[in-house]
């Protein structure tokens, strides 16, 4: 049985929160929120991909 929040979820939340905070502090960077979503997606795929490069399995 998996825990409700594993380490990967906590890392993703931390990365997303940091990117969102940067977007909040610097509103002149209009694409920062989109970058935050891209960073979280990339980290998620890199942390869960197997040796074939497939996306994480559920």
PDB file of N, CA and C in Angstrom:
ATOM      1  N   UNK A   1       0.839  -1.178   0.000  1.00  0.00           N
ATOM      2  CA  UNK A   1       0.000   0.000   0.000  1.00  0.00           C
ATOM      3  C   UNK A   1       0.887   1.245   0.000  1.00  0.00           C
ATOM      4  N   UNK A   2       0.597   2.160  -0.932  1.00  0.00           N
ATOM      5  CA  UNK A   2       1.392   3.379  -1.028  1.00  0.00           C
ATOM      6  C   UNK A   2       0.870   4.432  -0.064  1.00  0.00           C
ATOM      7  N   UNK A   3       1.777   5.243   0.389  1.00  0.00           N
ATOM      8  CA  UNK A   3       1.397   6.358   1.257  1.00  0.00           C
ATOM      9  C   UNK A   3       0.651   7.401   0.419  1.00  0.00           C
ATOM     10  N   UNK A   4      -0.215   8.195   1.033  1.00  0.00           N
ATOM     11  CA  UNK A   4      -0.967   9.200   0.276  1.00  0.00           C
ATOM     12  C   UNK A   4      -0.053  10.210  -0.431  1.00  0.00           C
ATOM     13  N   UNK A   5       1.010  10.611   0.209  1.00  0.00           N
ATOM     14  CA  UNK A   5       1.971  11.529  -0.403  1.00  0.00           C
ATOM     15  C   UNK A   5       3.358  10.909  -0.324  1.00  0.00           C
ATOM     16  N   UNK A   6       3.902  10.550  -1.468  1.00  0.00           N
ATOM     17  CA  UNK A   6       5.258  10.028  -1.446  1.00  0.00           C
ATOM     18  C   UNK A   6       6.240  11.170  -1.739  1.00  0.00           C
ATOM     19  N   UNK A   7       7.491  10.849  -1.792  1.00  0.00           N
ATOM     20  CA  UNK A   7       8.528  11.867  -1.950  1.00  0.00           C
ATOM     21  C   UNK A   7       8.402  12.604  -3.278  1.00  0.00           C
ATOM     22  N   UNK A   8       8.018  11.893  -4.333  1.00  0.00           N
ATOM     23  CA  UNK A   8       7.896  12.544  -5.636  1.00  0.00           C
ATOM     24  C   UNK A   8       6.835  13.634  -5.625  1.00  0.00           C
ATOM     25  N   UNK A   9       5.714  13.380  -4.982  1.00  0.00           N
ATOM     26  CA  UNK A   9       4.648  14.374  -4.923  1.00  0.00           C
ATOM     27  C   UNK A   9       5.115  15.593  -4.137  1.00  0.00           C
ATOM     28  N   UNK A  10       5.821  15.370  -3.058  1.00  0.00           N
ATOM     29  CA  UNK A  10       6.321  16.497  -2.260  1.00  0.00           C
ATOM     30  C   UNK A  10       7.332  17.334  -3.044  1.00  0.00           C
ATOM     31  N   UNK A  11       8.206  16.680  -3.807  1.00  0.00           N
ATOM     32  CA  UNK A  11       9.177  17.416  -4.627  1.00  0.00           C
ATOM     33  C   UNK A  11       8.455  18.221  -5.693  1.00  0.00           C
ATOM     34  N   UNK A  12       7.445  17.621  -6.336  1.00  0.00           N
ATOM     35  CA  UNK A  12       6.691  18.335  -7.359  1.00  0.00           C
ATOM     36  C   UNK A  12       5.973  19.552  -6.776  1.00  0.00           C
ATOM     37  N   UNK A  13       5.379  19.391  -5.600  1.00  0.00           N
ATOM     38  CA  UNK A  13       4.712  20.518  -4.968  1.00  0.00           C
ATOM     39  C   UNK A  13       5.701  21.628  -4.613  1.00  0.00           C
ATOM     40  N   UNK A  14       6.879  21.253  -4.141  1.00  0.00           N
ATOM     41  CA  UNK A  14       7.898  22.241  -3.789  1.00  0.00           C
ATOM     42  C   UNK A  14       8.388  22.997  -5.018  1.00  0.00           C
ATOM     43  N   UNK A  15       8.662  22.266  -6.093  1.00  0.00           N
ATOM     44  CA  UNK A  15       9.124  22.911  -7.331  1.00  0.00           C
ATOM     45  C   UNK A  15       8.042  23.832  -7.885  1.00  0.00           C
ATOM     46  N   UNK A  16       6.799  23.368  -7.873  1.00  0.00           N
ATOM     47  CA  UNK A  16       5.699  24.192  -8.362  1.00  0.00           C
ATOM     48  C   UNK A  16       5.481  25.425  -7.516  1.00  0.00           C
ATOM     49  N   UNK A  17       5.599  25.276  -6.205  1.00  0.00           N
ATOM     50  CA  UNK A  17       5.434  26.421  -5.316  1.00  0.00           C
ATOM     51  C   UNK A  17       6.541  27.449  -5.526  1.00  0.00           C
ATOM     52  N   UNK A  18       7.755  26.989  -5.702  1.00  0.00           N
ATOM     53  CA  UNK A  18       8.874  27.923  -5.948  1.00  0.00           C
ATOM     54  C   UNK A  18       8.679  28.676  -7.262  1.00  0.00           C
ATOM     55  N   UNK A  19       8.299  27.962  -8.308  1.00  0.00           N
ATOM     56  CA  UNK A  19       8.083  28.612  -9.599  1.00  0.00           C
ATOM     57  C   UNK A  19       6.898  29.570  -9.535  1.00  0.00           C
ATOM     58  N   UNK A  20       5.849  29.186  -8.839  1.00  0.00           N
ATOM     59  CA  UNK A  20       4.696  30.074  -8.684  1.00  0.00           C
ATOM     60  C   UNK A  20       5.034  31.319  -7.879  1.00  0.00           C
ATOM     61  N   UNK A  21       5.871  31.167  -6.861  1.00  0.00           N
ATOM     62  CA  UNK A  21       6.282  32.316  -6.052  1.00  0.00           C
ATOM     63  C   UNK A  21       7.109  33.289  -6.888  1.00  0.00           C
ATOM     64  N   UNK A  22       7.986  32.755  -7.704  1.00  0.00           N
ATOM     65  CA  UNK A  22       8.778  33.625  -8.582  1.00  0.00           C
ATOM     66  C   UNK A  22       7.863  34.377  -9.536  1.00  0.00           C
ATOM     67  N   UNK A  23       6.848  33.686 -10.095  1.00  0.00           N
ATOM     68  CA  UNK A  23       5.896  34.347 -10.990  1.00  0.00           C
ATOM     69  C   UNK A  23       5.112  35.422 -10.251  1.00  0.00           C
ATOM     70  N   UNK A  24       4.794  35.190  -8.988  1.00  0.00           N
ATOM     71  CA  UNK A  24       4.047  36.164  -8.189  1.00  0.00           C
ATOM     72  C   UNK A  24       4.899  37.401  -7.881  1.00  0.00           C
ATOM     73  N   UNK A  25       6.164  37.189  -7.544  1.00  0.00           N
ATOM     74  CA  UNK A  25       7.033  38.301  -7.158  1.00  0.00           C
ATOM     75  C   UNK A  25       7.446  39.152  -8.345  1.00  0.00           C
ATOM     76  N   UNK A  26       7.451  38.582  -9.538  1.00  0.00           N
ATOM     77  CA  UNK A  26       7.888  39.298 -10.741  1.00  0.00           C
ATOM     78  C   UNK A  26       6.791  39.227 -11.797  1.00  0.00           C
ATOM     79  N   UNK A  27       5.740  40.039 -11.646  1.00  0.00           N
ATOM     80  CA  UNK A  27       4.616  39.952 -12.581  1.00  0.00           C
ATOM     81  C   UNK A  27       4.957  40.412 -13.992  1.00  0.00           C
ATOM     82  N   UNK A  28       6.069  41.112 -14.170  1.00  0.00           N
ATOM     83  CA  UNK A  28       6.459  41.539 -15.504  1.00  0.00           C
ATOM     84  C   UNK A  28       6.898  40.363 -16.367  1.00  0.00           C
ATOM     85  N   UNK A  29       7.187  39.257 -15.749  1.00  0.00           N
ATOM     86  CA  UNK A  29       7.528  38.047 -16.501  1.00  0.00           C
ATOM     87  C   UNK A  29       6.204  37.306 -16.717  1.00  0.00           C
ATOM     88  N   UNK A  30       5.543  37.597 -17.837  1.00  0.00           N
ATOM     89  CA  UNK A  30       4.198  37.098 -18.072  1.00  0.00           C
ATOM     90  C   UNK A  30       4.099  35.611 -18.327  1.00  0.00           C
ATOM     91  N   UNK A  31       5.184  34.987 -18.722  1.00  0.00           N
ATOM     92  CA  UNK A  31       5.148  33.573 -19.079  1.00  0.00           C
ATOM     93  C   UNK A  31       5.619  32.693 -17.922  1.00  0.00           C
ATOM     94  N   UNK A  32       5.891  33.291 -16.783  1.00  0.00           N
ATOM     95  CA  UNK A  32       6.495  32.536 -15.687  1.00  0.00           C
ATOM     96  C   UNK A  32       5.590  31.424 -15.172  1.00  0.00           C
ATOM     97  N   UNK A  33       4.304  31.653 -15.127  1.00  0.00           N
ATOM     98  CA  UNK A  33       3.410  30.605 -14.655  1.00  0.00           C
ATOM     99  C   UNK A  33       3.389  29.428 -15.622  1.00  0.00           C
ATOM    100  N   UNK A  34       3.422  29.710 -16.909  1.00  0.00           N
ATOM    101  CA  UNK A  34       3.498  28.637 -17.898  1.00  0.00           C
ATOM    102  C   UNK A  34       4.812  27.875 -17.769  1.00  0.00           C
ATOM    103  N   UNK A  35       5.878  28.581 -17.483  1.00  0.00           N
ATOM    104  CA  UNK A  35       7.166  27.933 -17.259  1.00  0.00           C
ATOM    105  C   UNK A  35       7.098  27.035 -16.026  1.00  0.00           C
ATOM    106  N   UNK A  36       6.412  27.481 -14.992  1.00  0.00           N
ATOM    107  CA  UNK A  36       6.267  26.680 -13.774  1.00  0.00           C
ATOM    108  C   UNK A  36       5.568  25.362 -14.084  1.00  0.00           C
ATOM    109  N   UNK A  37       4.516  25.413 -14.877  1.00  0.00           N
ATOM    110  CA  UNK A  37       3.814  24.189 -15.251  1.00  0.00           C
ATOM    111  C   UNK A  37       4.725  23.289 -16.081  1.00  0.00           C
ATOM    112  N   UNK A  38       5.487  23.874 -16.972  1.00  0.00           N
ATOM    113  CA  UNK A  38       6.420  23.087 -17.780  1.00  0.00           C
ATOM    114  C   UNK A  38       7.506  22.439 -16.938  1.00  0.00           C
ATOM    115  N   UNK A  39       8.021  23.170 -15.947  1.00  0.00           N
ATOM    116  CA  UNK A  39       9.060  22.626 -15.079  1.00  0.00           C
ATOM    117  C   UNK A  39       8.519  21.462 -14.255  1.00  0.00           C
ATOM    118  N   UNK A  40       7.320  21.626 -13.706  1.00  0.00           N
ATOM    119  CA  UNK A  40       6.720  20.555 -12.913  1.00  0.00           C
ATOM    120  C   UNK A  40       6.477  19.324 -13.786  1.00  0.00           C
ATOM    121  N   UNK A  41       5.995  19.526 -14.993  1.00  0.00           N
ATOM    122  CA  UNK A  41       5.762  18.402 -15.902  1.00  0.00           C
ATOM    123  C   UNK A  41       7.070  17.699 -16.251  1.00  0.00           C
ATOM    124  N   UNK A  42       8.108  18.462 -16.534  1.00  0.00           N
ATOM    125  CA  UNK A  42       9.397  17.866 -16.872  1.00  0.00           C
ATOM    126  C   UNK A  42       9.978  17.085 -15.704  1.00  0.00           C
ATOM    127  N   UNK A  43       9.923  17.653 -14.512  1.00  0.00           N
ATOM    128  CA  UNK A  43      10.431  16.949 -13.332  1.00  0.00           C
ATOM    129  C   UNK A  43       9.634  15.674 -13.088  1.00  0.00           C
ATOM    130  N   UNK A  44       8.321  15.737 -13.269  1.00  0.00           N
ATOM    131  CA  UNK A  44       7.465  14.564 -13.090  1.00  0.00           C
ATOM    132  C   UNK A  44       7.852  13.461 -14.076  1.00  0.00           C
ATOM    133  N   UNK A  45       8.058  13.823 -15.324  1.00  0.00           N
ATOM    134  CA  UNK A  45       8.422  12.826 -16.326  1.00  0.00           C
ATOM    135  C   UNK A  45       9.813  12.259 -16.088  1.00  0.00           C
ATOM    136  N   UNK A  46      10.750  13.101 -15.682  1.00  0.00           N
ATOM    137  CA  UNK A  46      12.109  12.618 -15.435  1.00  0.00           C
ATOM    138  C   UNK A  46      12.183  11.726 -14.204  1.00  0.00           C
ATOM    139  N   UNK A  47      11.404  12.025 -13.182  1.00  0.00           N
ATOM    140  CA  UNK A  47      11.446  11.224 -11.967  1.00  0.00           C
ATOM    141  C   UNK A  47      10.757   9.884 -12.144  1.00  0.00           C
ATOM    142  N   UNK A  48       9.799   9.804 -13.054  1.00  0.00           N
ATOM    143  CA  UNK A  48       9.039   8.578 -13.168  1.00  0.00           C
ATOM    144  C   UNK A  48       9.358   7.752 -14.391  1.00  0.00           C
ATOM    145  N   UNK A  49      10.204   8.223 -15.286  1.00  0.00           N
ATOM    146  CA  UNK A  49      10.448   7.470 -16.511  1.00  0.00           C
ATOM    147  C   UNK A  49      11.330   6.268 -16.237  1.00  0.00           C
ATOM    148  N   UNK A  50      11.077   5.203 -16.987  1.00  0.00           N
ATOM    149  CA  UNK A  50      11.886   4.003 -16.834  1.00  0.00           C
ATOM    150  C   UNK A  50      13.013   4.001 -17.856  1.00  0.00           C
ATOM    151  N   UNK A  51      13.696   2.890 -18.004  1.00  0.00           N
ATOM    152  CA  UNK A  51      14.843   2.829 -18.908  1.00  0.00           C
ATOM    153  C   UNK A  51      14.458   2.999 -20.374  1.00  0.00           C
ATOM    154  N   UNK A  52      13.196   2.801 -20.729  1.00  0.00           N
ATOM    155  CA  UNK A  52      12.737   2.988 -22.107  1.00  0.00           C
ATOM    156  C   UNK A  52      12.308   4.418 -22.376  1.00  0.00           C
ATOM    157  N   UNK A  53      12.280   5.253 -21.371  1.00  0.00           N
ATOM    158  CA  UNK A  53      11.853   6.617 -21.536  1.00  0.00           C
ATOM    159  C   UNK A  53      10.347   6.784 -21.515  1.00  0.00           C
ATOM    160  N   UNK A  54       9.629   5.723 -21.129  1.00  0.00           N
ATOM    161  CA  UNK A  54       8.182   5.809 -21.066  1.00  0.00           C
ATOM    162  C   UNK A  54       7.763   6.669 -19.879  1.00  0.00           C
ATOM    163  N   UNK A  55       6.577   7.310 -19.975  1.00  0.00           N
ATOM    164  CA  UNK A  55       6.111   8.098 -18.851  1.00  0.00           C
ATOM    165  C   UNK A  55       5.775   7.219 -17.665  1.00  0.00           C
ATOM    166  N   UNK A  56       5.651   7.797 -16.479  1.00  0.00           N
ATOM    167  CA  UNK A  56       5.400   7.006 -15.282  1.00  0.00           C
ATOM    168  C   UNK A  56       4.107   6.209 -15.373  1.00  0.00           C
ATOM    169  N   UNK A  57       4.159   5.012 -14.871  1.00  0.00           N
ATOM    170  CA  UNK A  57       2.965   4.163 -14.835  1.00  0.00           C
ATOM    171  C   UNK A  57       2.210   4.401 -13.539  1.00  0.00           C
ATOM    172  N   UNK A  58       0.924   4.179 -13.564  1.00  0.00           N
ATOM    173  CA  UNK A  58       0.118   4.361 -12.349  1.00  0.00           C
ATOM    174  C   UNK A  58       0.165   3.169 -11.485  1.00  0.00           C
TER     175      UNK A  58
END
